[in-house]
Amino acid sequence: MAGDLTPEVAANIQPLAEKLGAVQPTGYEILSEAKQGDQVVFRVKYLGKAGSLSVESTWAFIGEAWKVIKTEVI
């Protein structure tokens, strides 16, 4: 997954990673997928042993691959 992140997102992913780690994910549910111009926004609910966490990630096609350009807890 780290290869899917832009450098800006990768540099700031630690707080999200800590929150996700606290949930101890065992699965996920895609809540929504929406195209916004040339980007795609996914809302995903991670389900775990210690609860759940919903995350919104914005993807864009950069160079020759899809990359996460923004992510946040919702």
PDB file of N, CA and C in Angstrom:
ATOM      1  N   MET A   1       0.817  -1.204   0.000  1.00  0.00           N
ATOM      2  CA  MET A   1       0.000   0.000   0.000  1.00  0.00           C
ATOM      3  C   MET A   1       0.854   1.258   0.000  1.00  0.00           C
ATOM      4  N   ALA A   2       2.019   1.242   0.640  1.00  0.00           N
ATOM      5  CA  ALA A   2       2.851   2.439   0.709  1.00  0.00           C
ATOM      6  C   ALA A   2       3.209   2.951  -0.677  1.00  0.00           C
ATOM      7  N   GLY A   3       3.358   2.051  -1.647  1.00  0.00           N
ATOM      8  CA  GLY A   3       3.663   2.464  -3.007  1.00  0.00           C
ATOM      9  C   GLY A   3       2.508   3.169  -3.693  1.00  0.00           C
ATOM     10  N   ASP A   4       1.318   3.061  -3.114  1.00  0.00           N
ATOM     11  CA  ASP A   4       0.136   3.708  -3.677  1.00  0.00           C
ATOM     12  C   ASP A   4      -0.033   5.143  -3.184  1.00  0.00           C
ATOM     13  N   LEU A   5       0.816   5.574  -2.261  1.00  0.00           N
ATOM     14  CA  LEU A   5       0.684   6.901  -1.653  1.00  0.00           C
ATOM     15  C   LEU A   5       1.597   7.908  -2.341  1.00  0.00           C
ATOM     16  N   THR A   6       1.097   9.145  -2.499  1.00  0.00           N
ATOM     17  CA  THR A   6       1.988  10.209  -2.960  1.00  0.00           C
ATOM     18  C   THR A   6       2.955  10.518  -1.816  1.00  0.00           C
ATOM     19  N   PRO A   7       4.089  11.128  -2.100  1.00  0.00           N
ATOM     20  CA  PRO A   7       5.042  11.463  -1.032  1.00  0.00           C
ATOM     21  C   PRO A   7       4.423  12.326   0.069  1.00  0.00           C
ATOM     22  N   GLU A   8       3.526  13.235  -0.309  1.00  0.00           N
ATOM     23  CA  GLU A   8       2.882  14.108   0.678  1.00  0.00           C
ATOM     24  C   GLU A   8       2.006  13.310   1.640  1.00  0.00           C
ATOM     25  N   VAL A   9       1.247  12.371   1.113  1.00  0.00           N
ATOM     26  CA  VAL A   9       0.390  11.530   1.957  1.00  0.00           C
ATOM     27  C   VAL A   9       1.253  10.617   2.818  1.00  0.00           C
ATOM     28  N   ALA A  10       2.275  10.006   2.225  1.00  0.00           N
ATOM     29  CA  ALA A  10       3.149   9.098   2.971  1.00  0.00           C
ATOM     30  C   ALA A  10       3.823   9.806   4.141  1.00  0.00           C
ATOM     31  N   ALA A  11       4.200  11.061   3.951  1.00  0.00           N
ATOM     32  CA  ALA A  11       4.879  11.823   4.999  1.00  0.00           C
ATOM     33  C   ALA A  11       3.963  12.138   6.186  1.00  0.00           C
ATOM     34  N   ASN A  12       2.657  12.095   5.953  1.00  0.00           N
ATOM     35  CA  ASN A  12       1.698  12.459   7.002  1.00  0.00           C
ATOM     36  C   ASN A  12       0.753  11.327   7.380  1.00  0.00           C
ATOM     37  N   ILE A  13       1.102  10.097   7.079  1.00  0.00           N
ATOM     38  CA  ILE A  13       0.190   8.965   7.282  1.00  0.00           C
ATOM     39  C   ILE A  13       0.222   8.421   8.713  1.00  0.00           C
ATOM     40  N   GLN A  14       1.221   8.757   9.501  1.00  0.00           N
ATOM     41  CA  GLN A  14       1.402   8.157  10.823  1.00  0.00           C
ATOM     42  C   GLN A  14       0.168   8.280  11.731  1.00  0.00           C
ATOM     43  N   PRO A  15      -0.456   9.441  11.881  1.00  0.00           N
ATOM     44  CA  PRO A  15      -1.647   9.514  12.754  1.00  0.00           C
ATOM     45  C   PRO A  15      -2.762   8.567  12.314  1.00  0.00           C
ATOM     46  N   LEU A  16      -2.994   8.466  11.010  1.00  0.00           N
ATOM     47  CA  LEU A  16      -4.016   7.556  10.507  1.00  0.00           C
ATOM     48  C   LEU A  16      -3.615   6.108  10.767  1.00  0.00           C
ATOM     49  N   ALA A  17      -2.354   5.799  10.542  1.00  0.00           N
ATOM     50  CA  ALA A  17      -1.867   4.440  10.774  1.00  0.00           C
ATOM     51  C   ALA A  17      -2.031   4.039  12.243  1.00  0.00           C
ATOM     52  N   GLU A  18      -1.789   4.963  13.155  1.00  0.00           N
ATOM     53  CA  GLU A  18      -1.964   4.674  14.581  1.00  0.00           C
ATOM     54  C   GLU A  18      -3.429   4.399  14.914  1.00  0.00           C
ATOM     55  N   LYS A  19      -4.337   5.206  14.367  1.00  0.00           N
ATOM     56  CA  LYS A  19      -5.765   4.993  14.610  1.00  0.00           C
ATOM     57  C   LYS A  19      -6.225   3.666  14.020  1.00  0.00           C
ATOM     58  N   LEU A  20      -5.737   3.345  12.844  1.00  0.00           N
ATOM     59  CA  LEU A  20      -6.094   2.088  12.203  1.00  0.00           C
ATOM     60  C   LEU A  20      -5.518   0.909  12.988  1.00  0.00           C
ATOM     61  N   GLY A  21      -4.305   1.045  13.473  1.00  0.00           N
ATOM     62  CA  GLY A  21      -3.686  -0.003  14.280  1.00  0.00           C
ATOM     63  C   GLY A  21      -4.448  -0.263  15.563  1.00  0.00           C
ATOM     64  N   ALA A  22      -5.009   0.777  16.145  1.00  0.00           N
ATOM     65  CA  ALA A  22      -5.776   0.625  17.392  1.00  0.00           C
ATOM     66  C   ALA A  22      -7.054  -0.181  17.171  1.00  0.00           C
ATOM     67  N   VAL A  23      -7.589  -0.145  15.951  1.00  0.00           N
ATOM     68  CA  VAL A  23      -8.813  -0.879  15.618  1.00  0.00           C
ATOM     69  C   VAL A  23      -8.520  -2.376  15.431  1.00  0.00           C
ATOM     70  N   GLN A  24      -7.278  -2.702  15.059  1.00  0.00           N
ATOM     71  CA  GLN A  24      -6.876  -4.083  14.770  1.00  0.00           C
ATOM     72  C   GLN A  24      -7.774  -4.685  13.676  1.00  0.00           C
ATOM     73  N   PRO A  25      -7.726  -4.124  12.477  1.00  0.00           N
ATOM     74  CA  PRO A  25      -8.645  -4.531  11.411  1.00  0.00           C
ATOM     75  C   PRO A  25      -8.584  -6.018  11.067  1.00  0.00           C
ATOM     76  N   THR A  26      -9.766  -6.557  10.862  1.00  0.00           N
ATOM     77  CA  THR A  26      -9.893  -7.937  10.398  1.00  0.00           C
ATOM     78  C   THR A  26     -10.665  -7.987   9.073  1.00  0.00           C
ATOM     79  N   GLY A  27     -11.197  -6.829   8.658  1.00  0.00           N
ATOM     80  CA  GLY A  27     -11.940  -6.753   7.418  1.00  0.00           C
ATOM     81  C   GLY A  27     -12.301  -5.311   7.115  1.00  0.00           C
ATOM     82  N   TYR A  28     -12.992  -5.120   6.015  1.00  0.00           N
ATOM     83  CA  TYR A  28     -13.414  -3.777   5.623  1.00  0.00           C
ATOM     84  C   TYR A  28     -14.694  -3.842   4.813  1.00  0.00           C
ATOM     85  N   GLU A  29     -15.328  -2.684   4.702  1.00  0.00           N
ATOM     86  CA  GLU A  29     -16.554  -2.538   3.913  1.00  0.00           C
ATOM     87  C   GLU A  29     -16.425  -1.249   3.118  1.00  0.00           C
ATOM     88  N   ILE A  30     -16.590  -1.319   1.808  1.00  0.00           N
ATOM     89  CA  ILE A  30     -16.565  -0.108   0.985  1.00  0.00           C
ATOM     90  C   ILE A  30     -17.929   0.555   1.121  1.00  0.00           C
ATOM     91  N   LEU A  31     -17.934   1.747   1.684  1.00  0.00           N
ATOM     92  CA  LEU A  31     -19.183   2.474   1.914  1.00  0.00           C
ATOM     93  C   LEU A  31     -19.645   3.204   0.661  1.00  0.00           C
ATOM     94  N   SER A  32     -18.684   3.788  -0.076  1.00  0.00           N
ATOM     95  CA  SER A  32     -19.052   4.493  -1.300  1.00  0.00           C
ATOM     96  C   SER A  32     -17.832   4.685  -2.188  1.00  0.00           C
ATOM     97  N   GLU A  33     -18.140   4.919  -3.455  1.00  0.00           N
ATOM     98  CA  GLU A  33     -17.135   5.235  -4.464  1.00  0.00           C
ATOM     99  C   GLU A  33     -17.751   6.303  -5.345  1.00  0.00           C
ATOM    100  N   ALA A  34     -17.068   7.435  -5.480  1.00  0.00           N
ATOM    101  CA  ALA A  34     -17.622   8.535  -6.265  1.00  0.00           C
ATOM    102  C   ALA A  34     -16.546   9.155  -7.139  1.00  0.00           C
ATOM    103  N   LYS A  35     -16.874   9.339  -8.409  1.00  0.00           N
ATOM    104  CA  LYS A  35     -15.955  10.002  -9.322  1.00  0.00           C
ATOM    105  C   LYS A  35     -16.151  11.502  -9.196  1.00  0.00           C
ATOM    106  N   GLN A  36     -15.036  12.215  -9.017  1.00  0.00           N
ATOM    107  CA  GLN A  36     -15.067  13.680  -8.937  1.00  0.00           C
ATOM    108  C   GLN A  36     -14.047  14.210  -9.939  1.00  0.00           C
ATOM    109  N   GLY A  37     -14.515  14.544 -11.121  1.00  0.00           N
ATOM    110  CA  GLY A  37     -13.604  14.960 -12.180  1.00  0.00           C
ATOM    111  C   GLY A  37     -12.740  13.785 -12.585  1.00  0.00           C
ATOM    112  N   ASP A  38     -11.420  13.954 -12.523  1.00  0.00           N
ATOM    113  CA  ASP A  38     -10.513  12.872 -12.878  1.00  0.00           C
ATOM    114  C   ASP A  38     -10.023  12.114 -11.643  1.00  0.00           C
ATOM    115  N   GLN A  39     -10.662  12.329 -10.509  1.00  0.00           N
ATOM    116  CA  GLN A  39     -10.306  11.648  -9.268  1.00  0.00           C
ATOM    117  C   GLN A  39     -11.443  10.730  -8.828  1.00  0.00           C
ATOM    118  N   VAL A  40     -11.101   9.771  -7.952  1.00  0.00           N
ATOM    119  CA  VAL A  40     -12.103   8.870  -7.391  1.00  0.00           C
ATOM    120  C   VAL A  40     -11.970   8.913  -5.874  1.00  0.00           C
ATOM    121  N   VAL A  41     -13.103   9.091  -5.192  1.00  0.00           N
ATOM    122  CA  VAL A  41     -13.115   9.167  -3.729  1.00  0.00           C
ATOM    123  C   VAL A  41     -13.787   7.911  -3.181  1.00  0.00           C
ATOM    124  N   PHE A  42     -13.067   7.208  -2.324  1.00  0.00           N
ATOM    125  CA  PHE A  42     -13.581   6.014  -1.671  1.00  0.00           C
ATOM    126  C   PHE A  42     -13.804   6.296  -0.195  1.00  0.00           C
ATOM    127  N   ARG A  43     -14.904   5.811   0.337  1.00  0.00           N
ATOM    128  CA  ARG A  43     -15.141   5.792   1.781  1.00  0.00           C
ATOM    129  C   ARG A  43     -15.150   4.331   2.192  1.00  0.00           C
ATOM    130  N   VAL A  44     -14.254   3.986   3.114  1.00  0.00           N
ATOM    131  CA  VAL A  44     -14.076   2.605   3.541  1.00  0.00           C
ATOM    132  C   VAL A  44     -14.177   2.528   5.054  1.00  0.00           C
ATOM    133  N   LYS A  45     -14.918   1.543   5.528  1.00  0.00           N
ATOM    134  CA  LYS A  45     -15.044   1.297   6.966  1.00  0.00           C
ATOM    135  C   LYS A  45     -14.227   0.048   7.287  1.00  0.00           C
ATOM    136  N   TYR A  46     -13.189   0.232   8.105  1.00  0.00           N
ATOM    137  CA  TYR A  46     -12.361  -0.893   8.542  1.00  0.00           C
ATOM    138  C   TYR A  46     -12.964  -1.457   9.813  1.00  0.00           C
ATOM    139  N   LEU A  47     -13.181  -2.768   9.840  1.00  0.00           N
ATOM    140  CA  LEU A  47     -13.803  -3.452  10.966  1.00  0.00           C
ATOM    141  C   LEU A  47     -12.735  -4.247  11.686  1.00  0.00           C
ATOM    142  N   GLY A  48     -12.705  -4.122  13.017  1.00  0.00           N
ATOM    143  CA  GLY A  48     -11.657  -4.815  13.747  1.00  0.00           C
ATOM    144  C   GLY A  48     -12.079  -5.319  15.100  1.00  0.00           C
ATOM    145  N   LYS A  49     -11.118  -5.921  15.763  1.00  0.00           N
ATOM    146  CA  LYS A  49     -11.336  -6.484  17.088  1.00  0.00           C
ATOM    147  C   LYS A  49     -11.672  -5.409  18.108  1.00  0.00           C
ATOM    148  N   ALA A  50     -11.198  -4.192  17.876  1.00  0.00           N
ATOM    149  CA  ALA A  50     -11.397  -3.110  18.839  1.00  0.00           C
ATOM    150  C   ALA A  50     -12.292  -2.004  18.276  1.00  0.00           C
ATOM    151  N   GLY A  51     -13.238  -2.355  17.415  1.00  0.00           N
ATOM    152  CA  GLY A  51     -14.163  -1.362  16.885  1.00  0.00           C
ATOM    153  C   GLY A  51     -14.048  -1.197  15.385  1.00  0.00           C
ATOM    154  N   SER A  52     -14.289   0.031  14.925  1.00  0.00           N
ATOM    155  CA  SER A  52     -14.234   0.310  13.493  1.00  0.00           C
ATOM    156  C   SER A  52     -13.686   1.714  13.270  1.00  0.00           C
ATOM    157  N   LEU A  53     -13.270   1.962  12.034  1.00  0.00           N
ATOM    158  CA  LEU A  53     -12.740   3.268  11.657  1.00  0.00           C
ATOM    159  C   LEU A  53     -13.110   3.507  10.200  1.00  0.00           C
ATOM    160  N   SER A  54     -13.708   4.660   9.916  1.00  0.00           N
ATOM    161  CA  SER A  54     -14.071   5.013   8.538  1.00  0.00           C
ATOM    162  C   SER A  54     -13.063   6.020   7.995  1.00  0.00           C
ATOM    163  N   VAL A  55     -12.631   5.771   6.774  1.00  0.00           N
ATOM    164  CA  VAL A  55     -11.588   6.582   6.139  1.00  0.00           C
ATOM    165  C   VAL A  55     -12.049   6.976   4.739  1.00  0.00           C
ATOM    166  N   GLU A  56     -11.768   8.217   4.366  1.00  0.00           N
ATOM    167  CA  GLU A  56     -12.027   8.685   3.008  1.00  0.00           C
ATOM    168  C   GLU A  56     -10.680   8.880   2.319  1.00  0.00           C
ATOM    169  N   SER A  57     -10.524   8.275   1.153  1.00  0.00           N
ATOM    170  CA  SER A  57      -9.284   8.388   0.389  1.00  0.00           C
ATOM    171  C   SER A  57      -9.602   8.871  -1.017  1.00  0.00           C
ATOM    172  N   THR A  58      -8.839   9.856  -1.468  1.00  0.00           N
ATOM    173  CA  THR A  58      -8.986  10.381  -2.814  1.00  0.00           C
ATOM    174  C   THR A  58      -7.829   9.870  -3.667  1.00  0.00           C
ATOM    175  N   TRP A  59      -8.173   9.256  -4.789  1.00  0.00           N
ATOM    176  CA  TRP A  59      -7.197   8.668  -5.704  1.00  0.00           C
ATOM    177  C   TRP A  59      -7.169   9.458  -7.004  1.00  0.00           C
ATOM    178  N   ALA A  60      -5.964   9.566  -7.595  1.00  0.00           N
ATOM    179  CA  ALA A  60      -5.800  10.215  -8.899  1.00  0.00           C
ATOM    180  C   ALA A  60      -4.782   9.424  -9.713  1.00  0.00           C
ATOM    181  N   PHE A  61      -4.949   9.436 -11.017  1.00  0.00           N
ATOM    182  CA  PHE A  61      -4.013   8.751 -11.902  1.00  0.00           C
ATOM    183  C   PHE A  61      -2.840   9.685 -12.133  1.00  0.00           C
ATOM    184  N   ILE A  62      -1.676   9.302 -11.604  1.00  0.00           N
ATOM    185  CA  ILE A  62      -0.468  10.127 -11.698  1.00  0.00           C
ATOM    186  C   ILE A  62       0.600   9.323 -12.425  1.00  0.00           C
ATOM    187  N   GLY A  63       1.107   9.886 -13.492  1.00  0.00           N
ATOM    188  CA  GLY A  63       2.101   9.160 -14.287  1.00  0.00           C
ATOM    189  C   GLY A  63       1.447   7.949 -14.927  1.00  0.00           C
ATOM    190  N   GLU A  64       1.824   6.760 -14.454  1.00  0.00           N
ATOM    191  CA  GLU A  64       1.274   5.523 -15.004  1.00  0.00           C
ATOM    192  C   GLU A  64       0.542   4.687 -13.966  1.00  0.00           C
ATOM    193  N   ALA A  65       0.169   5.294 -12.826  1.00  0.00           N
ATOM    194  CA  ALA A  65      -0.460   4.508 -11.760  1.00  0.00           C
ATOM    195  C   ALA A  65      -1.447   5.358 -10.963  1.00  0.00           C
ATOM    196  N   TRP A  66      -2.400   4.665 -10.344  1.00  0.00           N
ATOM    197  CA  TRP A  66      -3.321   5.324  -9.418  1.00  0.00           C
ATOM    198  C   TRP A  66      -2.612   5.521  -8.091  1.00  0.00           C
ATOM    199  N   LYS A  67      -2.747   6.730  -7.503  1.00  0.00           N
ATOM    200  CA  LYS A  67      -2.098   7.076  -6.239  1.00  0.00           C
ATOM    201  C   LYS A  67      -3.103   7.752  -5.306  1.00  0.00           C
ATOM    202  N   VAL A  68      -2.926   7.526  -4.000  1.00  0.00           N
ATOM    203  CA  VAL A  68      -3.726   8.223  -2.994  1.00  0.00           C
ATOM    204  C   VAL A  68      -3.145   9.623  -2.845  1.00  0.00           C
ATOM    205  N   ILE A  69      -3.977  10.638  -3.094  1.00  0.00           N
ATOM    206  CA  ILE A  69      -3.504  12.019  -2.990  1.00  0.00           C
ATOM    207  C   ILE A  69      -4.010  12.709  -1.723  1.00  0.00           C
ATOM    208  N   LYS A  70      -4.999  12.060  -1.060  1.00  0.00           N
ATOM    209  CA  LYS A  70      -5.543  12.624   0.177  1.00  0.00           C
ATOM    210  C   LYS A  70      -6.237  11.517   0.935  1.00  0.00           C
ATOM    211  N   THR A  71      -6.091  11.521   2.243  1.00  0.00           N
ATOM    212  CA  THR A  71      -6.803  10.549   3.067  1.00  0.00           C
ATOM    213  C   THR A  71      -7.106  11.164   4.428  1.00  0.00           C
ATOM    214  N   GLU A  72      -8.275  10.833   4.973  1.00  0.00           N
ATOM    215  CA  GLU A  72      -8.651  11.362   6.281  1.00  0.00           C
ATOM    216  C   GLU A  72      -9.683  10.463   6.948  1.00  0.00           C
ATOM    217  N   VAL A  73      -9.683  10.513   8.269  1.00  0.00           N
ATOM    218  CA  VAL A  73     -10.687   9.799   9.038  1.00  0.00           C
ATOM    219  C   VAL A  73     -11.986  10.574   8.953  1.00  0.00           C
ATOM    220  N   ILE A  74     -13.098   9.870   8.756  1.00  0.00           N
ATOM    221  CA  ILE A  74     -14.403  10.550   8.662  1.00  0.00           C
ATOM    222  C   ILE A  74     -15.329  10.060   9.761  1.00  0.00           C
TER     223      ILE A  74
END
